[in-house]
Amino acid sequence: MSEPCADERHIWQMVIVQAFRDANSKLTASSDTRRALEIEDARNWFINADPDFLTVCNLAGFDPDHVQKRALASIGERTGVGRNFRDFQGTGAGSTARYFSKLEFSE
């Protein structure tokens, strides 16, 4: 596979940002089933770090381990379960909109 150009890397970076937003979304009583599944899928994407996750991170130019650690820490902080988020899936999370100006996945 050839090295992606800057525009392609940016697209893959936006895939990660959207998954990050979804994973940090708050589940509410009014959340419909589809939205709840999107949130759960995004959280599981970061938790499981499957081959698709690894590929997207690599195409984005990010270290997958670092992205996963940052995402899980963020999800855990917003859900109130700290860094042991893997044990508390599906607990809900707050809005991340104000944090995206500071979002970095590089070490």
PDB file of N, CA and C in Angstrom:
ATOM      1  N   MET A   1       0.851  -1.168   0.000  1.00  0.00           N
ATOM      2  CA  MET A   1       0.000   0.000   0.000  1.00  0.00           C
ATOM      3  C   MET A   1       0.900   1.235   0.000  1.00  0.00           C
ATOM      4  N   SER A   2       0.596   2.200  -0.850  1.00  0.00           N
ATOM      5  CA  SER A   2       1.401   3.416  -0.909  1.00  0.00           C
ATOM      6  C   SER A   2       1.034   4.362   0.233  1.00  0.00           C
ATOM      7  N   GLU A   3       1.956   5.253   0.540  1.00  0.00           N
ATOM      8  CA  GLU A   3       1.766   6.237   1.615  1.00  0.00           C
ATOM      9  C   GLU A   3       0.675   7.238   1.191  1.00  0.00           C
ATOM     10  N   PRO A   4      -0.338   7.484   2.039  1.00  0.00           N
ATOM     11  CA  PRO A   4      -1.393   8.428   1.673  1.00  0.00           C
ATOM     12  C   PRO A   4      -0.868   9.865   1.644  1.00  0.00           C
ATOM     13  N   CYS A   5      -1.440  10.682   0.743  1.00  0.00           N
ATOM     14  CA  CYS A   5      -1.068  12.089   0.689  1.00  0.00           C
ATOM     15  C   CYS A   5      -1.755  12.832   1.837  1.00  0.00           C
ATOM     16  N   ALA A   6      -1.413  14.094   2.013  1.00  0.00           N
ATOM     17  CA  ALA A   6      -1.934  14.879   3.138  1.00  0.00           C
ATOM     18  C   ALA A   6      -3.459  14.938   3.135  1.00  0.00           C
ATOM     19  N   ASP A   7      -4.060  15.105   1.960  1.00  0.00           N
ATOM     20  CA  ASP A   7      -5.524  15.167   1.900  1.00  0.00           C
ATOM     21  C   ASP A   7      -6.158  13.845   2.317  1.00  0.00           C
ATOM     22  N   GLU A   8      -5.567  12.738   1.895  1.00  0.00           N
ATOM     23  CA  GLU A   8      -6.088  11.428   2.285  1.00  0.00           C
ATOM     24  C   GLU A   8      -5.917  11.206   3.786  1.00  0.00           C
ATOM     25  N   ARG A   9      -4.768  11.601   4.332  1.00  0.00           N
ATOM     26  CA  ARG A   9      -4.562  11.486   5.779  1.00  0.00           C
ATOM     27  C   ARG A   9      -5.614  12.297   6.539  1.00  0.00           C
ATOM     28  N   HIS A  10      -5.903  13.481   6.033  1.00  0.00           N
ATOM     29  CA  HIS A  10      -6.899  14.336   6.694  1.00  0.00           C
ATOM     30  C   HIS A  10      -8.275  13.656   6.714  1.00  0.00           C
ATOM     31  N   ILE A  11      -8.652  13.016   5.635  1.00  0.00           N
ATOM     32  CA  ILE A  11      -9.943  12.307   5.590  1.00  0.00           C
ATOM     33  C   ILE A  11      -9.969  11.219   6.660  1.00  0.00           C
ATOM     34  N   TRP A  12      -8.900  10.440   6.755  1.00  0.00           N
ATOM     35  CA  TRP A  12      -8.853   9.372   7.760  1.00  0.00           C
ATOM     36  C   TRP A  12      -8.806   9.943   9.167  1.00  0.00           C
ATOM     37  N   GLN A  13      -8.162  11.079   9.348  1.00  0.00           N
ATOM     38  CA  GLN A  13      -8.165  11.740  10.655  1.00  0.00           C
ATOM     39  C   GLN A  13      -9.580  12.148  11.039  1.00  0.00           C
ATOM     40  N   MET A  14     -10.363  12.603  10.071  1.00  0.00           N
ATOM     41  CA  MET A  14     -11.741  12.993  10.347  1.00  0.00           C
ATOM     42  C   MET A  14     -12.612  11.787  10.690  1.00  0.00           C
ATOM     43  N   VAL A  15     -12.281  10.619  10.144  1.00  0.00           N
ATOM     44  CA  VAL A  15     -12.985   9.386  10.528  1.00  0.00           C
ATOM     45  C   VAL A  15     -12.761   9.132  12.023  1.00  0.00           C
ATOM     46  N   ILE A  16     -11.528   9.299  12.475  1.00  0.00           N
ATOM     47  CA  ILE A  16     -11.214   9.091  13.891  1.00  0.00           C
ATOM     48  C   ILE A  16     -11.915  10.145  14.749  1.00  0.00           C
ATOM     49  N   VAL A  17     -11.907  11.393  14.317  1.00  0.00           N
ATOM     50  CA  VAL A  17     -12.568  12.457  15.072  1.00  0.00           C
ATOM     51  C   VAL A  17     -14.062  12.181  15.203  1.00  0.00           C
ATOM     52  N   GLN A  18     -14.706  11.738  14.108  1.00  0.00           N
ATOM     53  CA  GLN A  18     -16.136  11.439  14.176  1.00  0.00           C
ATOM     54  C   GLN A  18     -16.409  10.279  15.119  1.00  0.00           C
ATOM     55  N   ALA A  19     -15.572   9.256  15.073  1.00  0.00           N
ATOM     56  CA  ALA A  19     -15.738   8.132  16.004  1.00  0.00           C
ATOM     57  C   ALA A  19     -15.535   8.601  17.439  1.00  0.00           C
ATOM     58  N   PHE A  20     -14.581   9.500  17.642  1.00  0.00           N
ATOM     59  CA  PHE A  20     -14.330  10.063  18.970  1.00  0.00           C
ATOM     60  C   PHE A  20     -15.557  10.833  19.457  1.00  0.00           C
ATOM     61  N   ARG A  21     -16.141  11.632  18.591  1.00  0.00           N
ATOM     62  CA  ARG A  21     -17.361  12.378  18.949  1.00  0.00           C
ATOM     63  C   ARG A  21     -18.488  11.416  19.306  1.00  0.00           C
ATOM     64  N   ASP A  22     -18.675  10.405  18.460  1.00  0.00           N
ATOM     65  CA  ASP A  22     -19.747   9.437  18.722  1.00  0.00           C
ATOM     66  C   ASP A  22     -19.515   8.700  20.039  1.00  0.00           C
ATOM     67  N   ALA A  23     -18.283   8.255  20.257  1.00  0.00           N
ATOM     68  CA  ALA A  23     -17.970   7.492  21.468  1.00  0.00           C
ATOM     69  C   ALA A  23     -18.162   8.319  22.729  1.00  0.00           C
ATOM     70  N   ASN A  24     -18.007   9.626  22.620  1.00  0.00           N
ATOM     71  CA  ASN A  24     -18.153  10.513  23.774  1.00  0.00           C
ATOM     72  C   ASN A  24     -19.544  11.125  23.874  1.00  0.00           C
ATOM     73  N   SER A  25     -20.449  10.717  23.009  1.00  0.00           N
ATOM     74  CA  SER A  25     -21.815  11.231  23.049  1.00  0.00           C
ATOM     75  C   SER A  25     -22.551  10.686  24.263  1.00  0.00           C
ATOM     76  N   LYS A  26     -23.497  11.455  24.718  1.00  0.00           N
ATOM     77  CA  LYS A  26     -24.261  11.060  25.898  1.00  0.00           C
ATOM     78  C   LYS A  26     -25.505  10.274  25.480  1.00  0.00           C
ATOM     79  N   LEU A  27     -25.676   9.141  26.105  1.00  0.00           N
ATOM     80  CA  LEU A  27     -26.910   8.383  25.930  1.00  0.00           C
ATOM     81  C   LEU A  27     -27.949   8.954  26.883  1.00  0.00           C
ATOM     82  N   THR A  28     -29.093   9.279  26.352  1.00  0.00           N
ATOM     83  CA  THR A  28     -30.163   9.825  27.178  1.00  0.00           C
ATOM     84  C   THR A  28     -31.406   8.959  27.028  1.00  0.00           C
ATOM     85  N   ALA A  29     -32.385   9.233  27.840  1.00  0.00           N
ATOM     86  CA  ALA A  29     -33.646   8.491  27.762  1.00  0.00           C
ATOM     87  C   ALA A  29     -34.299   8.683  26.401  1.00  0.00           C
ATOM     88  N   SER A  30     -34.021   9.817  25.753  1.00  0.00           N
ATOM     89  CA  SER A  30     -34.643  10.078  24.454  1.00  0.00           C
ATOM     90  C   SER A  30     -33.794   9.593  23.276  1.00  0.00           C
ATOM     91  N   SER A  31     -32.629   9.007  23.539  1.00  0.00           N
ATOM     92  CA  SER A  31     -31.793   8.484  22.456  1.00  0.00           C
ATOM     93  C   SER A  31     -32.525   7.344  21.756  1.00  0.00           C
ATOM     94  N   ASP A  32     -32.600   7.439  20.428  1.00  0.00           N
ATOM     95  CA  ASP A  32     -33.247   6.336  19.715  1.00  0.00           C
ATOM     96  C   ASP A  32     -32.278   5.154  19.601  1.00  0.00           C
ATOM     97  N   THR A  33     -32.810   4.015  19.220  1.00  0.00           N
ATOM     98  CA  THR A  33     -32.017   2.790  19.163  1.00  0.00           C
ATOM     99  C   THR A  33     -30.853   2.926  18.198  1.00  0.00           C
ATOM    100  N   ARG A  34     -31.085   3.546  17.052  1.00  0.00           N
ATOM    101  CA  ARG A  34     -30.015   3.700  16.063  1.00  0.00           C
ATOM    102  C   ARG A  34     -28.861   4.519  16.639  1.00  0.00           C
ATOM    103  N   ARG A  35     -29.177   5.627  17.296  1.00  0.00           N
ATOM    104  CA  ARG A  35     -28.134   6.474  17.871  1.00  0.00           C
ATOM    105  C   ARG A  35     -27.397   5.729  18.992  1.00  0.00           C
ATOM    106  N   ALA A  36     -28.119   4.999  19.801  1.00  0.00           N
ATOM    107  CA  ALA A  36     -27.488   4.225  20.868  1.00  0.00           C
ATOM    108  C   ALA A  36     -26.511   3.201  20.288  1.00  0.00           C
ATOM    109  N   LEU A  37     -26.886   2.570  19.179  1.00  0.00           N
ATOM    110  CA  LEU A  37     -25.997   1.606  18.522  1.00  0.00           C
ATOM    111  C   LEU A  37     -24.768   2.284  17.936  1.00  0.00           C
ATOM    112  N   GLU A  38     -24.939   3.483  17.374  1.00  0.00           N
ATOM    113  CA  GLU A  38     -23.798   4.233  16.838  1.00  0.00           C
ATOM    114  C   GLU A  38     -22.800   4.551  17.948  1.00  0.00           C
ATOM    115  N   ILE A  39     -23.305   4.980  19.082  1.00  0.00           N
ATOM    116  CA  ILE A  39     -22.445   5.301  20.223  1.00  0.00           C
ATOM    117  C   ILE A  39     -21.716   4.053  20.705  1.00  0.00           C
ATOM    118  N   GLU A  40     -22.451   2.981  20.866  1.00  0.00           N
ATOM    119  CA  GLU A  40     -21.854   1.715  21.317  1.00  0.00           C
ATOM    120  C   GLU A  40     -20.818   1.201  20.319  1.00  0.00           C
ATOM    121  N   ASP A  41     -21.131   1.281  19.025  1.00  0.00           N
ATOM    122  CA  ASP A  41     -20.176   0.842  17.994  1.00  0.00           C
ATOM    123  C   ASP A  41     -18.893   1.663  18.037  1.00  0.00           C
ATOM    124  N   ALA A  42     -19.023   2.973  18.215  1.00  0.00           N
ATOM    125  CA  ALA A  42     -17.842   3.832  18.274  1.00  0.00           C
ATOM    126  C   ALA A  42     -16.992   3.491  19.489  1.00  0.00           C
ATOM    127  N   ARG A  43     -17.634   3.283  20.621  1.00  0.00           N
ATOM    128  CA  ARG A  43     -16.885   2.925  21.827  1.00  0.00           C
ATOM    129  C   ARG A  43     -16.174   1.592  21.647  1.00  0.00           C
ATOM    130  N   ASN A  44     -16.875   0.628  21.083  1.00  0.00           N
ATOM    131  CA  ASN A  44     -16.275  -0.682  20.853  1.00  0.00           C
ATOM    132  C   ASN A  44     -15.122  -0.612  19.856  1.00  0.00           C
ATOM    133  N   TRP A  45     -15.206   0.299  18.882  1.00  0.00           N
ATOM    134  CA  TRP A  45     -14.142   0.466  17.893  1.00  0.00           C
ATOM    135  C   TRP A  45     -12.845   0.847  18.591  1.00  0.00           C
ATOM    136  N   PHE A  46     -12.930   1.764  19.556  1.00  0.00           N
ATOM    137  CA  PHE A  46     -11.736   2.159  20.307  1.00  0.00           C
ATOM    138  C   PHE A  46     -11.318   1.071  21.294  1.00  0.00           C
ATOM    139  N   ILE A  47     -12.257   0.427  21.939  1.00  0.00           N
ATOM    140  CA  ILE A  47     -11.945  -0.595  22.941  1.00  0.00           C
ATOM    141  C   ILE A  47     -11.261  -1.806  22.312  1.00  0.00           C
ATOM    142  N   ASN A  48     -11.823  -2.300  21.212  1.00  0.00           N
ATOM    143  CA  ASN A  48     -11.339  -3.538  20.608  1.00  0.00           C
ATOM    144  C   ASN A  48     -10.120  -3.362  19.724  1.00  0.00           C
ATOM    145  N   ALA A  49      -9.916  -2.159  19.178  1.00  0.00           N
ATOM    146  CA  ALA A  49      -8.772  -1.879  18.293  1.00  0.00           C
ATOM    147  C   ALA A  49      -8.571  -3.005  17.283  1.00  0.00           C
ATOM    148  N   ASP A  50      -9.634  -3.296  16.542  1.00  0.00           N
ATOM    149  CA  ASP A  50      -9.579  -4.368  15.549  1.00  0.00           C
ATOM    150  C   ASP A  50      -8.735  -3.947  14.337  1.00  0.00           C
ATOM    151  N   PRO A  51      -8.546  -4.847  13.362  1.00  0.00           N
ATOM    152  CA  PRO A  51      -7.725  -4.500  12.197  1.00  0.00           C
ATOM    153  C   PRO A  51      -8.199  -3.243  11.447  1.00  0.00           C
ATOM    154  N   ASP A  52      -9.509  -3.003  11.381  1.00  0.00           N
ATOM    155  CA  ASP A  52      -9.995  -1.781  10.727  1.00  0.00           C
ATOM    156  C   ASP A  52      -9.524  -0.540  11.475  1.00  0.00           C
ATOM    157  N   PHE A  53      -9.573  -0.580  12.794  1.00  0.00           N
ATOM    158  CA  PHE A  53      -9.088   0.531  13.619  1.00  0.00           C
ATOM    159  C   PHE A  53      -7.612   0.788  13.342  1.00  0.00           C
ATOM    160  N   LEU A  54      -6.821  -0.273  13.336  1.00  0.00           N
ATOM    161  CA  LEU A  54      -5.382  -0.143  13.086  1.00  0.00           C
ATOM    162  C   LEU A  54      -5.109   0.455  11.719  1.00  0.00           C
ATOM    163  N   THR A  55      -5.850   0.008  10.714  1.00  0.00           N
ATOM    164  CA  THR A  55      -5.678   0.526   9.359  1.00  0.00           C
ATOM    165  C   THR A  55      -6.024   2.005   9.286  1.00  0.00           C
ATOM    166  N   VAL A  56      -7.149   2.393   9.868  1.00  0.00           N
ATOM    167  CA  VAL A  56      -7.561   3.800   9.842  1.00  0.00           C
ATOM    168  C   VAL A  56      -6.520   4.666  10.544  1.00  0.00           C
ATOM    169  N   CYS A  57      -6.048   4.246  11.696  1.00  0.00           N
ATOM    170  CA  CYS A  57      -5.023   5.020  12.412  1.00  0.00           C
ATOM    171  C   CYS A  57      -3.758   5.170  11.574  1.00  0.00           C
ATOM    172  N   ASN A  58      -3.323   4.080  10.978  1.00  0.00           N
ATOM    173  CA  ASN A  58      -2.119   4.136  10.148  1.00  0.00           C
ATOM    174  C   ASN A  58      -2.308   5.041   8.941  1.00  0.00           C
ATOM    175  N   LEU A  59      -3.461   4.971   8.281  1.00  0.00           N
ATOM    176  CA  LEU A  59      -3.731   5.842   7.141  1.00  0.00           C
ATOM    177  C   LEU A  59      -3.847   7.305   7.560  1.00  0.00           C
ATOM    178  N   ALA A  60      -4.259   7.536   8.805  1.00  0.00           N
ATOM    179  CA  ALA A  60      -4.357   8.897   9.334  1.00  0.00           C
ATOM    180  C   ALA A  60      -3.000   9.429   9.783  1.00  0.00           C
ATOM    181  N   GLY A  61      -2.015   8.548   9.876  1.00  0.00           N
ATOM    182  CA  GLY A  61      -0.698   8.953  10.337  1.00  0.00           C
ATOM    183  C   GLY A  61      -0.584   9.005  11.849  1.00  0.00           C
ATOM    184  N   PHE A  62      -1.459   8.280  12.558  1.00  0.00           N
ATOM    185  CA  PHE A  62      -1.473   8.270  14.018  1.00  0.00           C
ATOM    186  C   PHE A  62      -1.039   6.907  14.539  1.00  0.00           C
ATOM    187  N   ASP A  63      -0.440   6.898  15.717  1.00  0.00           N
ATOM    188  CA  ASP A  63      -0.081   5.664  16.404  1.00  0.00           C
ATOM    189  C   ASP A  63      -1.353   5.066  17.017  1.00  0.00           C
ATOM    190  N   PRO A  64      -1.763   3.866  16.581  1.00  0.00           N
ATOM    191  CA  PRO A  64      -3.004   3.266  17.087  1.00  0.00           C
ATOM    192  C   PRO A  64      -3.052   3.119  18.605  1.00  0.00           C
ATOM    193  N   ASP A  65      -1.940   2.730  19.225  1.00  0.00           N
ATOM    194  CA  ASP A  65      -1.937   2.570  20.683  1.00  0.00           C
ATOM    195  C   ASP A  65      -2.203   3.894  21.384  1.00  0.00           C
ATOM    196  N   HIS A  66      -1.601   4.943  20.875  1.00  0.00           N
ATOM    197  CA  HIS A  66      -1.788   6.262  21.481  1.00  0.00           C
ATOM    198  C   HIS A  66      -3.223   6.760  21.280  1.00  0.00           C
ATOM    199  N   VAL A  67      -3.765   6.561  20.089  1.00  0.00           N
ATOM    200  CA  VAL A  67      -5.161   6.958  19.827  1.00  0.00           C
ATOM    201  C   VAL A  67      -6.092   6.216  20.764  1.00  0.00           C
ATOM    202  N   GLN A  68      -5.884   4.913  20.911  1.00  0.00           N
ATOM    203  CA  GLN A  68      -6.741   4.124  21.782  1.00  0.00           C
ATOM    204  C   GLN A  68      -6.653   4.595  23.230  1.00  0.00           C
ATOM    205  N   LYS A  69      -5.453   4.822  23.722  1.00  0.00           N
ATOM    206  CA  LYS A  69      -5.281   5.288  25.103  1.00  0.00           C
ATOM    207  C   LYS A  69      -5.971   6.626  25.326  1.00  0.00           C
ATOM    208  N   ARG A  70      -5.784   7.559  24.386  1.00  0.00           N
ATOM    209  CA  ARG A  70      -6.403   8.885  24.522  1.00  0.00           C
ATOM    210  C   ARG A  70      -7.924   8.784  24.465  1.00  0.00           C
ATOM    211  N   ALA A  71      -8.433   7.976  23.544  1.00  0.00           N
ATOM    212  CA  ALA A  71      -9.885   7.837  23.403  1.00  0.00           C
ATOM    213  C   ALA A  71     -10.498   7.197  24.640  1.00  0.00           C
ATOM    214  N   LEU A  72      -9.900   6.120  25.128  1.00  0.00           N
ATOM    215  CA  LEU A  72     -10.452   5.445  26.301  1.00  0.00           C
ATOM    216  C   LEU A  72     -10.382   6.330  27.534  1.00  0.00           C
ATOM    217  N   ALA A  73      -9.308   7.095  27.673  1.00  0.00           N
ATOM    218  CA  ALA A  73      -9.213   8.017  28.802  1.00  0.00           C
ATOM    219  C   ALA A  73     -10.294   9.080  28.713  1.00  0.00           C
ATOM    220  N   SER A  74     -10.519   9.601  27.514  1.00  0.00           N
ATOM    221  CA  SER A  74     -11.535  10.638  27.328  1.00  0.00           C
ATOM    222  C   SER A  74     -12.933  10.097  27.593  1.00  0.00           C
ATOM    223  N   ILE A  75     -13.213   8.937  27.059  1.00  0.00           N
ATOM    224  CA  ILE A  75     -14.523   8.324  27.280  1.00  0.00           C
ATOM    225  C   ILE A  75     -14.717   8.062  28.767  1.00  0.00           C
ATOM    226  N   GLY A  76     -13.692   7.529  29.422  1.00  0.00           N
ATOM    227  CA  GLY A  76     -13.775   7.244  30.846  1.00  0.00           C
ATOM    228  C   GLY A  76     -13.979   8.486  31.685  1.00  0.00           C
ATOM    229  N   GLU A  77     -13.279   9.569  31.352  1.00  0.00           N
ATOM    230  CA  GLU A  77     -13.428  10.817  32.100  1.00  0.00           C
ATOM    231  C   GLU A  77     -14.839  11.375  31.961  1.00  0.00           C
ATOM    232  N   ARG A  78     -15.394  11.298  30.773  1.00  0.00           N
ATOM    233  CA  ARG A  78     -16.716  11.866  30.534  1.00  0.00           C
ATOM    234  C   ARG A  78     -17.843  10.987  31.075  1.00  0.00           C
ATOM    235  N   THR A  79     -17.552   9.714  31.295  1.00  0.00           N
ATOM    236  CA  THR A  79     -18.572   8.828  31.855  1.00  0.00           C
ATOM    237  C   THR A  79     -18.430   8.691  33.358  1.00  0.00           C
ATOM    238  N   GLY A  80     -17.348   9.231  33.905  1.00  0.00           N
ATOM    239  CA  GLY A  80     -17.133   9.177  35.339  1.00  0.00           C
ATOM    240  C   GLY A  80     -16.540   7.879  35.836  1.00  0.00           C
ATOM    241  N   VAL A  81     -15.999   7.060  34.935  1.00  0.00           N
ATOM    242  CA  VAL A  81     -15.424   5.786  35.366  1.00  0.00           C
ATOM    243  C   VAL A  81     -13.903   5.775  35.257  1.00  0.00           C
ATOM    244  N   GLY A  82     -13.316   6.913  34.973  1.00  0.00           N
ATOM    245  CA  GLY A  82     -11.866   7.022  34.926  1.00  0.00           C
ATOM    246  C   GLY A  82     -11.240   6.213  33.822  1.00  0.00           C
ATOM    247  N   ARG A  83     -10.034   5.743  34.044  1.00  0.00           N
ATOM    248  CA  ARG A  83      -9.271   5.065  32.997  1.00  0.00           C
ATOM    249  C   ARG A  83      -9.623   3.585  32.847  1.00  0.00           C
ATOM    250  N   ASN A  84     -10.476   3.054  33.686  1.00  0.00           N
ATOM    251  CA  ASN A  84     -10.890   1.655  33.572  1.00  0.00           C
ATOM    252  C   ASN A  84     -12.173   1.525  32.765  1.00  0.00           C
ATOM    253  N   PHE A  85     -12.271   2.307  31.712  1.00  0.00           N
ATOM    254  CA  PHE A  85     -13.498   2.370  30.928  1.00  0.00           C
ATOM    255  C   PHE A  85     -13.901   1.019  30.345  1.00  0.00           C
ATOM    256  N   ARG A  86     -12.946   0.171  29.986  1.00  0.00           N
ATOM    257  CA  ARG A  86     -13.270  -1.114  29.362  1.00  0.00           C
ATOM    258  C   ARG A  86     -14.275  -1.917  30.192  1.00  0.00           C
ATOM    259  N   ASP A  87     -14.265  -1.721  31.497  1.00  0.00           N
ATOM    260  CA  ASP A  87     -15.163  -2.470  32.376  1.00  0.00           C
ATOM    261  C   ASP A  87     -16.542  -1.831  32.499  1.00  0.00           C
ATOM    262  N   PHE A  88     -16.739  -0.667  31.899  1.00  0.00           N
ATOM    263  CA  PHE A  88     -17.978   0.078  32.095  1.00  0.00           C
ATOM    264  C   PHE A  88     -18.579   0.557  30.776  1.00  0.00           C
ATOM    265  N   GLN A  89     -18.644  -0.293  29.788  1.00  0.00           N
ATOM    266  CA  GLN A  89     -19.214   0.096  28.499  1.00  0.00           C
ATOM    267  C   GLN A  89     -20.671   0.480  28.643  1.00  0.00           C
ATOM    268  N   GLY A  90     -21.091   1.430  27.804  1.00  0.00           N
ATOM    269  CA  GLY A  90     -22.498   1.792  27.721  1.00  0.00           C
ATOM    270  C   GLY A  90     -23.023   2.626  28.854  1.00  0.00           C
ATOM    271  N   THR A  91     -22.152   3.393  29.555  1.00  0.00           N
ATOM    272  CA  THR A  91     -22.610   4.176  30.692  1.00  0.00           C
ATOM    273  C   THR A  91     -22.981   5.611  30.333  1.00  0.00           C
ATOM    274  N   GLY A  92     -22.768   6.040  29.083  1.00  0.00           N
ATOM    275  CA  GLY A  92     -23.076   7.415  28.666  1.00  0.00           C
ATOM    276  C   GLY A  92     -21.870   8.310  28.838  1.00  0.00           C
ATOM    277  N   ALA A  93     -21.874   9.436  28.134  1.00  0.00           N
ATOM    278  CA  ALA A  93     -20.766  10.390  28.224  1.00  0.00           C
ATOM    279  C   ALA A  93     -21.251  11.768  27.834  1.00  0.00           C
ATOM    280  N   GLY A  94     -20.482  12.782  28.187  1.00  0.00           N
ATOM    281  CA  GLY A  94     -20.859  14.164  27.901  1.00  0.00           C
ATOM    282  C   GLY A  94     -20.386  14.639  26.539  1.00  0.00           C
ATOM    283  N   SER A  95     -20.764  15.854  26.198  1.00  0.00           N
ATOM    284  CA  SER A  95     -20.394  16.457  24.920  1.00  0.00           C
ATOM    285  C   SER A  95     -18.896  16.720  24.863  1.00  0.00           C
ATOM    286  N   THR A  96     -18.302  16.530  23.684  1.00  0.00           N
ATOM    287  CA  THR A  96     -16.873  16.775  23.510  1.00  0.00           C
ATOM    288  C   THR A  96     -16.601  17.981  22.633  1.00  0.00           C
ATOM    289  N   ALA A  97     -17.613  18.698  22.220  1.00  0.00           N
ATOM    290  CA  ALA A  97     -17.446  19.767  21.240  1.00  0.00           C
ATOM    291  C   ALA A  97     -16.400  20.789  21.664  1.00  0.00           C
ATOM    292  N   ARG A  98     -16.381  21.181  22.917  1.00  0.00           N
ATOM    293  CA  ARG A  98     -15.453  22.228  23.335  1.00  0.00           C
ATOM    294  C   ARG A  98     -14.015  21.732  23.422  1.00  0.00           C
ATOM    295  N   TYR A  99     -13.765  20.428  23.326  1.00  0.00           N
ATOM    296  CA  TYR A  99     -12.422  19.888  23.458  1.00  0.00           C
ATOM    297  C   TYR A  99     -11.713  19.682  22.135  1.00  0.00           C
ATOM    298  N   PHE A 100     -12.401  19.793  21.012  1.00  0.00           N
ATOM    299  CA  PHE A 100     -11.777  19.442  19.746  1.00  0.00           C
ATOM    300  C   PHE A 100     -10.692  20.405  19.293  1.00  0.00           C
ATOM    301  N   SER A 101     -10.683  21.627  19.783  1.00  0.00           N
ATOM    302  CA  SER A 101      -9.591  22.521  19.414  1.00  0.00           C
ATOM    303  C   SER A 101      -8.265  22.037  20.030  1.00  0.00           C
ATOM    304  N   LYS A 102      -8.344  21.226  21.089  1.00  0.00           N
ATOM    305  CA  LYS A 102      -7.156  20.718  21.769  1.00  0.00           C
ATOM    306  C   LYS A 102      -6.850  19.257  21.415  1.00  0.00           C
ATOM    307  N   LEU A 103      -7.675  18.636  20.606  1.00  0.00           N
ATOM    308  CA  LEU A 103      -7.540  17.221  20.329  1.00  0.00           C
ATOM    309  C   LEU A 103      -6.294  16.927  19.513  1.00  0.00           C
ATOM    310  N   GLU A 104      -5.416  16.089  20.077  1.00  0.00           N
ATOM    311  CA  GLU A 104      -4.224  15.646  19.379  1.00  0.00           C
ATOM    312  C   GLU A 104      -4.046  14.164  19.656  1.00  0.00           C
ATOM    313  N   PHE A 105      -3.591  13.436  18.648  1.00  0.00           N
ATOM    314  CA  PHE A 105      -3.335  12.026  18.847  1.00  0.00           C
ATOM    315  C   PHE A 105      -1.862  11.689  18.679  1.00  0.00           C
ATOM    316  N   SER A 106      -1.053  12.684  18.374  1.00  0.00           N
ATOM    317  CA  SER A 106       0.383  12.409  18.246  1.00  0.00           C
ATOM    318  C   SER A 106       1.026  12.474  19.622  1.00  0.00           C
ATOM    319  N   GLU A 107       2.142  11.782  19.763  1.00  0.00           N
ATOM    320  CA  GLU A 107       2.829  11.772  21.059  1.00  0.00           C
ATOM    321  C   GLU A 107       3.830  12.895  21.114  1.00  0.00           C
TER     322      GLU A 107
END
